[in-house]
Amino acid sequence: MIVTESKNRKIKICDQILEEIYSQIQKNDYDPEKGGIIVGRENLNNENIILEYISKPLKNDICTRTRYTRKDEGHLKYFEKLYNENNGVYAYWGEWHTHPEDIPHYSIIDLKNWKRIGKEDPKGVQYHIIAGRKAFSIWRMQKGKLYLHLDTEQLPVLCAASREIPGLLRKMLWNREEGMSAILTSGTLKAGTGFLRTRQITGLEGRAGVQEYVAESPFSYEKNCLLYLPKTLEHCRRGSREEALMVANHIHSLICSTYGHTLVLFTSYTLMGSVYQILRDSLPFPMVEVWRHSQEEILRFKTMENGVLFAAGSCWEGVDFPGDMVSSLIIVKLPFAVPDPISEAEKETYDSLESYIQSIIVPDMQKKLRQGFGRAIRTETDTCVVSILDIRAGKGGKYHEDVMCALPSCRIAEELKEVQDFIRSRKGVEYYL
């Protein structure tokens, strides 16, 4: 049994639940997601919650490699049976499903579903479990967010996100009577035209005596990098089959134009899985798909001469692909953060949605975009095409100016032929062998 605490109550997850969920995890890359409901009871003596039963995937549920949707009415019948046989002791407490990644995290679709369930449930509190290959995670949906991970020794590890970090940093570091000197350095401290967002999250906003400095990059982006913003992008409903096909067509053309040597960065595991399935049998180059923390797959890609790497999550930063390993970087969508209870609470401190977007959402996106862009040029001799397949980033798009402000100055192209010409002008014959 695993026990964790949420405010003044303990949540106990019985071994039988963990064992049943573990039997459903996606051990192989192409196993479908599975899921069901969580049923438990409340201890009237101390208000602790004991999660005892789960339903398993049923015939009419939708189970694909990257999505589980509970559709079968058998889940409700399963709950009603437990409820009636035990005199109403048991109640619905949430959902569980699997993810094809080592350390699971919720998707945008997961969050939307959880919010919908929260509105339908009068208690307003649910516990949602996602099972990965190496860990389980649990989220408590109410005002805050909690994570429960199992480490390699199957011991629970709790983490919590806090809005009080800036204040704590001021109290513990910047406001100390004895004084303190510090240097904060990173390749992505600046967002847009300044350091305001970094000052906010580090507790330095409004503080006098803080000096800022930007060191120019030693890389010649104008000479060695081409930014491709295709003008042929179409408006598609987010999460639709049309969107996946449109993205897949553009990626296919770009990969063939650069003869492989491609890193494709996604913001959605669901979209990544859909596009990968569309392209896996149509490209003449070896393809690798990386889920969370799959270092073995990254190493395998690095041994290929002209491979294609599909990635998301952690691959947006801290991964090095020097030389001709990556001559084409494709950013599928602008990396806006996934909404969570912390950001929702932060939004309430702003007078309008627009001011919140410009003060928080856009700067955070710009930082993430710079991190992803940094995978392209790793040495002074590297050459690379960076493509952004988000219609909002193109000329006339809603966030075009924000994108231009975030990235170093380089030549811009709107036609695929310009990509082909750039690669041919920068690469020797050995590149194509």
Protein backbone atom coordinates (compact mmCIF):
# COMPACT_ATOMS: atom_id res chain seq x y z
CA MET A 1 0.00 0.00 0.00
CA ILE A 2 1.20 3.50 -0.85
CA VAL A 3 0.24 6.36 1.45
CA THR A 4 0.53 10.04 0.61
CA GLU A 5 -0.85 13.11 2.31
CA SER A 6 -3.07 15.83 0.86
CA LYS A 7 -3.58 18.68 3.34
CA ASN A 8 -4.89 16.99 6.50
CA ARG A 9 -5.94 13.71 4.97
CA LYS A 10 -4.04 10.62 3.87
CA ILE A 11 -4.68 8.94 0.56
CA LYS A 12 -4.03 5.19 0.68
CA ILE A 13 -3.63 3.31 -2.59
CA CYS A 14 -4.08 -0.41 -2.13
CA ASP A 15 -1.58 -2.88 -3.55
CA GLN A 16 -4.27 -4.57 -5.63
CA ILE A 17 -4.81 -1.32 -7.58
CA LEU A 18 -1.10 -0.88 -8.23
CA GLU A 19 -0.74 -4.50 -9.35
CA GLU A 20 -3.71 -4.32 -11.71
CA ILE A 21 -2.54 -1.05 -13.24
CA TYR A 22 1.01 -2.37 -13.57
CA SER A 23 -0.32 -5.33 -15.56
CA GLN A 24 -1.75 -2.85 -18.11
CA ILE A 25 1.29 -0.61 -18.68
CA GLN A 26 2.57 -0.06 -22.22
CA LYS A 27 5.74 -2.12 -22.14
CA ASN A 28 6.21 -1.93 -25.90
CA ASP A 29 6.14 1.19 -28.10
CA TYR A 30 3.01 0.14 -29.93
CA ASP A 31 0.89 -1.13 -27.05
CA PRO A 32 -2.38 0.83 -26.75
CA GLU A 33 -3.22 3.05 -23.81
CA LYS A 34 -5.61 1.55 -21.28
CA GLY A 35 -7.61 2.93 -18.41
CA GLY A 36 -10.72 3.01 -16.25
CA ILE A 37 -12.23 4.54 -13.12
CA ILE A 38 -10.99 4.56 -9.51
CA VAL A 39 -13.34 3.55 -6.70
CA GLY A 40 -12.65 3.98 -3.02
CA ARG A 41 -14.10 4.87 0.35
CA GLU A 42 -13.67 7.56 2.95
CA ASN A 43 -12.72 6.66 6.53
CA LEU A 44 -15.36 8.46 8.60
CA ASN A 45 -13.15 8.44 11.70
CA ASN A 46 -10.28 10.46 10.21
CA GLU A 47 -11.41 11.50 6.70
CA ASN A 48 -8.63 9.47 5.08
CA ILE A 49 -9.34 8.07 1.62
CA ILE A 50 -8.69 4.46 0.67
CA LEU A 51 -8.54 3.75 -3.07
CA GLU A 52 -9.39 0.06 -3.40
CA TYR A 53 -10.79 -0.80 -6.85
CA ILE A 54 -10.33 0.12 -10.48
CA SER A 55 -12.25 -0.81 -13.59
CA LYS A 56 -10.31 -2.20 -16.53
CA PRO A 57 -10.59 -1.23 -20.21
CA LEU A 58 -13.74 -2.56 -21.86
CA LYS A 59 -14.88 -3.43 -25.38
CA ASN A 60 -16.36 -0.05 -26.34
CA ASP A 61 -13.51 2.06 -24.95
CA ILE A 62 -11.19 3.80 -27.43
CA CYS A 63 -7.66 2.50 -26.94
CA THR A 64 -4.94 3.79 -29.28
CA ARG A 65 -1.20 4.07 -28.88
CA THR A 66 -1.40 7.65 -27.61
CA ARG A 67 -4.95 8.04 -26.29
CA TYR A 68 -7.46 6.32 -24.04
CA THR A 69 -11.12 7.41 -23.99
CA ARG A 70 -13.55 5.76 -21.60
CA LYS A 71 -16.74 5.06 -23.58
CA ASP A 72 -18.11 1.73 -22.35
CA GLU A 73 -21.09 1.93 -19.97
CA GLY A 74 -19.67 -1.12 -18.18
CA HIS A 75 -17.48 1.17 -16.02
CA LEU A 76 -20.59 2.79 -14.53
CA LYS A 77 -22.19 -0.64 -14.00
CA TYR A 78 -19.00 -1.80 -12.27
CA PHE A 79 -19.23 1.14 -9.86
CA GLU A 80 -22.97 0.67 -9.26
CA LYS A 81 -22.37 -2.98 -8.38
CA LEU A 82 -19.74 -2.08 -5.78
CA TYR A 83 -21.95 0.71 -4.44
CA ASN A 84 -25.07 -1.44 -4.07
CA GLU A 85 -23.32 -4.50 -2.64
CA ASN A 86 -21.62 -2.43 0.06
CA ASN A 87 -24.51 -0.22 1.19
CA GLY A 88 -23.22 2.92 -0.49
CA VAL A 89 -19.82 2.86 1.17
CA TYR A 90 -17.86 3.21 -2.07
CA ALA A 91 -17.65 6.32 -4.21
CA TYR A 92 -16.08 7.44 -7.47
CA TRP A 93 -12.70 9.07 -6.83
CA GLY A 94 -11.12 9.58 -10.23
CA GLU A 95 -9.62 8.01 -13.35
CA TRP A 96 -6.53 6.05 -14.30
CA HIS A 97 -4.83 5.39 -17.61
CA THR A 98 -1.43 4.50 -19.02
CA HIS A 99 1.08 6.56 -21.00
CA PRO A 100 3.78 5.28 -23.39
CA GLU A 101 6.57 7.06 -21.50
CA ASP A 102 8.86 6.27 -18.58
CA ILE A 103 7.87 9.06 -16.18
CA PRO A 104 4.31 10.02 -17.09
CA HIS A 105 2.87 13.51 -17.28
CA TYR A 106 -0.61 14.66 -18.21
CA SER A 107 -1.43 15.96 -21.68
CA ILE A 108 -3.63 18.93 -22.60
CA ILE A 109 -6.43 16.45 -23.37
CA ASP A 110 -5.99 14.82 -19.93
CA LEU A 111 -6.25 18.19 -18.21
CA LYS A 112 -9.39 19.14 -20.14
CA ASN A 113 -11.02 15.82 -19.22
CA TRP A 114 -10.10 16.21 -15.56
CA LYS A 115 -11.52 19.73 -15.46
CA ARG A 116 -14.74 18.49 -17.08
CA ILE A 117 -15.02 15.68 -14.52
CA GLY A 118 -14.37 18.17 -11.72
CA LYS A 119 -17.35 20.26 -12.82
CA GLU A 120 -19.58 17.19 -12.93
CA ASP A 121 -18.48 15.86 -9.53
CA PRO A 122 -20.13 17.76 -6.64
CA LYS A 123 -17.28 16.83 -4.27
CA GLY A 124 -14.87 18.77 -6.45
CA VAL A 125 -11.95 16.51 -5.56
CA GLN A 126 -10.60 13.68 -7.71
CA TYR A 127 -7.40 11.68 -7.83
CA HIS A 128 -6.06 10.81 -11.28
CA ILE A 129 -3.38 8.17 -11.79
CA ILE A 130 -1.20 7.88 -14.90
CA ALA A 131 1.02 4.82 -15.18
CA GLY A 132 4.28 4.99 -17.09
CA ARG A 133 6.87 2.33 -17.73
CA LYS A 134 9.04 3.24 -14.73
CA ALA A 135 6.76 5.25 -12.46
CA PHE A 136 3.21 6.06 -11.48
CA SER A 137 2.03 9.67 -11.04
CA ILE A 138 -1.05 10.89 -9.22
CA TRP A 139 -2.70 14.29 -9.43
CA ARG A 140 -5.18 15.71 -6.97
CA MET A 141 -7.55 18.00 -8.82
CA GLN A 142 -8.85 20.85 -6.73
CA LYS A 143 -7.02 24.08 -6.02
CA GLY A 144 -3.48 22.73 -6.21
CA LYS A 145 -1.48 20.01 -7.87
CA LEU A 146 0.41 17.11 -6.32
CA TYR A 147 2.65 14.49 -7.88
CA LEU A 148 3.41 11.08 -6.55
CA HIS A 149 6.24 9.20 -8.20
CA LEU A 150 7.64 5.78 -7.41
CA ASP A 151 11.42 5.68 -7.51
CA THR A 152 13.56 2.73 -8.59
CA GLU A 153 13.02 1.12 -5.19
CA GLN A 154 9.24 1.58 -5.48
CA LEU A 155 9.22 4.21 -2.75
CA PRO A 156 6.88 7.20 -3.10
CA VAL A 157 8.37 10.61 -3.84
CA LEU A 158 6.17 13.69 -3.42
CA CYS A 159 6.66 17.01 -5.23
CA ALA A 160 4.60 20.17 -5.13
CA ALA A 161 4.57 23.31 -7.26
CA SER A 162 4.40 26.58 -5.29
CA ARG A 163 3.59 30.17 -6.22
CA GLU A 164 5.55 31.36 -3.18
CA ILE A 165 9.00 30.68 -4.64
CA PRO A 166 9.74 34.35 -5.58
CA GLY A 167 8.85 35.45 -2.04
CA LEU A 168 10.91 32.68 -0.50
CA LEU A 169 13.93 33.63 -2.62
CA ARG A 170 13.60 37.25 -1.50
CA LYS A 171 13.39 36.21 2.14
CA MET A 172 16.14 33.60 2.08
CA LEU A 173 18.61 35.22 -0.34
CA TRP A 174 18.03 38.75 -1.59
CA ASN A 175 16.83 40.40 1.68
CA ARG A 176 19.48 38.96 3.99
CA GLU A 177 20.96 41.61 6.32
CA GLU A 178 24.55 40.55 5.70
CA GLY A 179 24.07 41.10 2.00
CA MET A 180 24.72 38.68 -0.80
CA SER A 181 26.25 38.91 -4.26
CA ALA A 182 25.07 36.50 -6.94
CA ILE A 183 25.46 35.94 -10.67
CA LEU A 184 22.55 34.33 -12.50
CA THR A 185 23.57 33.04 -15.91
CA SER A 186 21.80 31.02 -18.59
CA GLY A 187 21.28 30.98 -22.31
CA THR A 188 17.57 31.66 -21.85
CA LEU A 189 17.27 34.23 -19.05
CA LYS A 190 16.13 36.84 -21.54
CA ALA A 191 12.61 36.61 -22.96
CA GLY A 192 11.65 38.93 -25.78
CA THR A 193 13.27 42.32 -25.23
CA GLY A 194 14.20 42.01 -21.57
CA PHE A 195 14.58 40.11 -18.30
CA LEU A 196 11.26 41.02 -16.66
CA ARG A 197 9.91 37.46 -16.57
CA THR A 198 13.15 36.14 -15.06
CA ARG A 199 13.02 38.89 -12.43
CA GLN A 200 9.45 37.83 -11.57
CA ILE A 201 10.17 34.13 -11.04
CA THR A 202 13.40 34.75 -9.11
CA GLY A 203 12.00 37.36 -6.74
CA LEU A 204 14.05 40.23 -8.22
CA GLU A 205 11.20 42.24 -9.73
CA GLY A 206 11.42 45.89 -8.67
CA ARG A 207 14.69 45.37 -6.82
CA ALA A 208 17.33 48.07 -7.23
CA GLY A 209 20.96 47.33 -7.96
CA VAL A 210 20.37 44.42 -10.34
CA GLN A 211 22.51 44.65 -13.46
CA GLU A 212 21.66 42.92 -16.73
CA TYR A 213 24.01 41.85 -19.50
CA VAL A 214 23.54 40.03 -22.80
CA ALA A 215 26.56 38.32 -24.37
CA GLU A 216 26.24 38.05 -28.12
CA SER A 217 26.44 34.58 -29.66
CA PRO A 218 29.69 33.60 -31.40
CA PHE A 219 27.64 31.79 -34.08
CA SER A 220 26.96 33.43 -37.46
CA TYR A 221 23.24 32.70 -37.72
CA GLU A 222 22.73 34.97 -40.73
CA LYS A 223 25.24 32.91 -42.69
CA ASN A 224 24.69 29.40 -41.32
CA CYS A 225 21.01 29.27 -40.40
CA LEU A 226 17.84 29.55 -42.48
CA LEU A 227 14.50 30.14 -40.74
CA TYR A 228 11.68 28.57 -42.76
CA LEU A 229 8.15 29.82 -42.12
CA PRO A 230 6.03 28.13 -44.82
CA LYS A 231 3.27 30.29 -46.23
CA THR A 232 1.27 27.22 -47.27
CA LEU A 233 0.19 26.25 -43.74
CA GLU A 234 -3.52 25.73 -43.22
CA HIS A 235 -5.83 26.36 -40.28
CA CYS A 236 -6.81 22.98 -38.80
CA ARG A 237 -8.79 22.03 -35.72
CA ARG A 238 -6.37 21.20 -32.90
CA GLY A 239 -6.12 17.46 -32.36
CA SER A 240 -7.91 16.61 -35.61
CA ARG A 241 -6.87 14.08 -38.23
CA GLU A 242 -6.57 16.96 -40.71
CA GLU A 243 -3.98 18.65 -38.51
CA ALA A 244 -1.89 15.46 -38.26
CA LEU A 245 -2.00 14.96 -42.04
CA MET A 246 -1.08 18.58 -42.76
CA VAL A 247 1.86 18.45 -40.36
CA ALA A 248 2.97 15.06 -41.72
CA ASN A 249 2.97 16.36 -45.32
CA HIS A 250 5.17 19.34 -44.45
CA ILE A 251 7.55 17.19 -42.40
CA HIS A 252 7.82 14.65 -45.24
CA SER A 253 8.76 17.38 -47.74
CA LEU A 254 11.33 18.90 -45.40
CA ILE A 255 12.97 15.57 -44.53
CA CYS A 256 13.34 14.70 -48.20
CA SER A 257 14.69 18.20 -48.96
CA THR A 258 17.46 17.86 -46.38
CA TYR A 259 18.12 14.15 -46.97
CA GLY A 260 17.23 13.15 -43.40
CA HIS A 261 19.51 14.60 -40.71
CA THR A 262 16.36 15.88 -39.01
CA LEU A 263 15.16 16.56 -35.47
CA VAL A 264 11.39 17.11 -35.15
CA LEU A 265 10.29 18.73 -31.88
CA PHE A 266 6.67 18.33 -30.77
CA THR A 267 4.74 19.90 -27.90
CA SER A 268 2.19 17.07 -27.86
CA TYR A 269 2.92 13.36 -27.51
CA THR A 270 -0.47 12.64 -29.06
CA LEU A 271 0.29 14.61 -32.23
CA MET A 272 3.79 13.13 -32.35
CA GLY A 273 2.41 9.61 -32.24
CA SER A 274 -0.18 10.34 -34.95
CA VAL A 275 2.34 11.93 -37.33
CA TYR A 276 4.85 9.15 -36.72
CA GLN A 277 2.28 6.53 -37.66
CA ILE A 278 1.47 8.40 -40.89
CA LEU A 279 5.13 8.71 -41.94
CA ARG A 280 6.77 5.54 -40.60
CA ASP A 281 6.29 3.56 -43.83
CA SER A 282 6.70 6.41 -46.33
CA LEU A 283 10.17 7.80 -45.62
CA PRO A 284 13.39 6.36 -47.07
CA PHE A 285 15.33 7.33 -43.94
CA PRO A 286 15.61 5.58 -40.55
CA MET A 287 13.19 6.99 -37.98
CA VAL A 288 13.44 7.06 -34.19
CA GLU A 289 10.67 8.11 -31.83
CA VAL A 290 11.63 9.27 -28.35
CA TRP A 291 9.28 9.30 -25.43
CA ARG A 292 10.15 10.77 -22.07
CA HIS A 293 13.66 9.96 -20.79
CA SER A 294 14.47 7.47 -23.58
CA GLN A 295 18.21 8.08 -23.70
CA GLU A 296 18.83 4.80 -25.48
CA GLU A 297 16.82 5.99 -28.50
CA ILE A 298 18.69 9.30 -28.61
CA LEU A 299 22.02 7.46 -28.61
CA ARG A 300 20.77 5.19 -31.40
CA PHE A 301 19.83 8.23 -33.48
CA LYS A 302 23.32 9.68 -33.02
CA THR A 303 24.84 6.60 -34.64
CA MET A 304 22.79 7.05 -37.83
CA GLU A 305 24.12 8.83 -40.89
CA ASN A 306 20.89 10.46 -42.02
CA GLY A 307 18.28 9.55 -39.43
CA VAL A 308 15.10 11.32 -38.32
CA LEU A 309 14.34 11.83 -34.63
CA PHE A 310 10.81 12.52 -33.38
CA ALA A 311 10.95 13.96 -29.86
CA ALA A 312 9.13 16.05 -27.27
CA GLY A 313 9.49 16.98 -23.62
CA SER A 314 13.08 16.98 -22.37
CA CYS A 315 14.60 17.02 -25.88
CA TRP A 316 13.76 20.72 -26.16
CA GLU A 317 16.82 21.43 -24.03
CA GLY A 318 20.06 19.87 -22.82
CA VAL A 319 20.57 17.56 -25.81
CA ASP A 320 23.54 18.07 -28.12
CA PHE A 321 23.42 17.28 -31.86
CA PRO A 322 26.56 18.84 -33.38
CA GLY A 323 27.69 18.80 -37.01
CA ASP A 324 25.57 17.20 -39.73
CA MET A 325 23.73 15.06 -37.18
CA VAL A 326 20.91 17.63 -37.31
CA SER A 327 20.87 19.83 -40.40
CA SER A 328 17.12 20.33 -40.22
CA LEU A 329 15.26 21.27 -37.05
CA ILE A 330 11.47 21.20 -37.32
CA ILE A 331 9.45 22.87 -34.56
CA VAL A 332 5.88 21.70 -35.06
CA LYS A 333 4.08 24.09 -32.70
CA LEU A 334 5.06 27.12 -30.68
CA PRO A 335 5.86 25.78 -27.18
CA PHE A 336 3.16 27.41 -25.09
CA ALA A 337 2.95 25.95 -21.60
CA VAL A 338 0.20 23.49 -20.70
CA PRO A 339 -2.33 25.16 -18.34
CA ASP A 340 -2.25 23.88 -14.79
CA PRO A 341 -3.76 24.94 -11.44
CA ILE A 342 -0.70 27.06 -10.64
CA SER A 343 -0.93 29.07 -13.86
CA GLU A 344 -4.70 29.39 -13.44
CA ALA A 345 -4.17 30.95 -10.03
CA GLU A 346 -1.45 33.24 -11.42
CA LYS A 347 -3.85 34.42 -14.12
CA GLU A 348 -6.24 35.72 -11.47
CA THR A 349 -3.66 38.31 -10.36
CA TYR A 350 -3.89 40.14 -13.72
CA ASP A 351 -6.54 42.67 -14.71
CA SER A 352 -7.18 41.10 -18.11
CA LEU A 353 -6.48 37.92 -20.03
CA GLU A 354 -4.45 39.86 -22.62
CA SER A 355 -2.11 41.35 -20.01
CA TYR A 356 -1.59 37.88 -18.50
CA ILE A 357 -0.79 36.41 -21.91
CA GLN A 358 1.71 39.17 -22.76
CA SER A 359 3.33 39.18 -19.30
CA ILE A 360 3.53 35.44 -18.60
CA ILE A 361 2.44 33.15 -21.43
CA VAL A 362 4.37 34.77 -24.29
CA PRO A 363 7.69 35.26 -22.40
CA ASP A 364 7.60 31.65 -21.20
CA MET A 365 6.96 30.52 -24.77
CA GLN A 366 9.86 32.64 -26.04
CA LYS A 367 12.26 31.04 -23.55
CA LYS A 368 11.18 27.55 -24.53
CA LEU A 369 11.42 28.44 -28.22
CA ARG A 370 14.99 29.68 -27.76
CA GLN A 371 15.85 26.43 -26.00
CA GLY A 372 14.47 24.39 -28.88
CA PHE A 373 16.13 26.62 -31.47
CA GLY A 374 19.42 26.02 -29.69
CA ARG A 375 19.42 22.36 -30.80
CA ALA A 376 20.16 23.54 -34.38
CA ILE A 377 23.53 25.31 -34.22
CA ARG A 378 25.92 23.76 -31.69
CA THR A 379 29.32 24.81 -33.11
CA GLU A 380 30.63 27.73 -35.17
CA THR A 381 30.75 25.56 -38.31
CA ASP A 382 27.25 24.02 -38.05
CA THR A 383 24.64 24.82 -40.70
CA CYS A 384 20.94 24.17 -40.26
CA VAL A 385 17.44 24.91 -41.50
CA VAL A 386 14.96 25.69 -38.69
CA SER A 387 11.32 25.26 -39.71
CA ILE A 388 8.32 26.35 -37.60
CA LEU A 389 5.08 24.72 -38.74
CA ASP A 390 2.79 26.91 -36.64
CA ILE A 391 0.65 29.28 -38.67
CA ARG A 392 0.76 31.75 -35.77
CA ALA A 393 4.53 32.15 -36.28
CA GLY A 394 4.46 33.03 -39.98
CA LYS A 395 4.31 36.49 -41.51
CA GLY A 396 1.03 38.07 -40.47
CA GLY A 397 0.53 35.46 -37.75
CA LYS A 398 -0.57 36.39 -34.24
CA TYR A 399 2.82 35.70 -32.66
CA HIS A 400 5.13 36.44 -35.59
CA GLU A 401 6.75 39.47 -33.96
CA ASP A 402 7.17 37.61 -30.66
CA VAL A 403 8.94 34.77 -32.49
CA MET A 404 11.23 37.16 -34.36
CA CYS A 405 12.08 38.92 -31.10
CA ALA A 406 12.96 35.64 -29.39
CA LEU A 407 15.27 34.24 -32.08
CA PRO A 408 18.63 35.46 -33.38
CA SER A 409 18.64 37.35 -36.65
CA CYS A 410 18.84 35.01 -39.65
CA ARG A 411 17.60 34.73 -43.21
CA ILE A 412 13.88 33.92 -43.57
CA ALA A 413 12.38 31.67 -46.25
CA GLU A 414 8.76 30.93 -47.17
CA GLU A 415 9.28 28.53 -50.10
CA LEU A 416 10.43 24.92 -49.87
CA LYS A 417 12.80 25.46 -52.80
CA GLU A 418 14.74 27.95 -50.68
CA VAL A 419 15.30 25.17 -48.13
CA GLN A 420 16.58 22.83 -50.82
CA ASP A 421 18.89 25.50 -52.27
CA PHE A 422 20.28 26.38 -48.84
CA ILE A 423 21.15 22.76 -48.00
CA ARG A 424 22.74 22.14 -51.39
CA SER A 425 24.84 25.27 -51.07
CA ARG A 426 26.13 24.33 -47.61
CA LYS A 427 26.66 20.56 -47.82
CA GLY A 428 29.27 18.58 -49.72
CA VAL A 429 28.80 15.38 -51.73
CA GLU A 430 29.67 13.20 -48.72
CA TYR A 431 26.57 14.54 -46.94
CA TYR A 432 24.32 12.66 -49.38
CA LEU A 433 26.24 9.36 -49.35
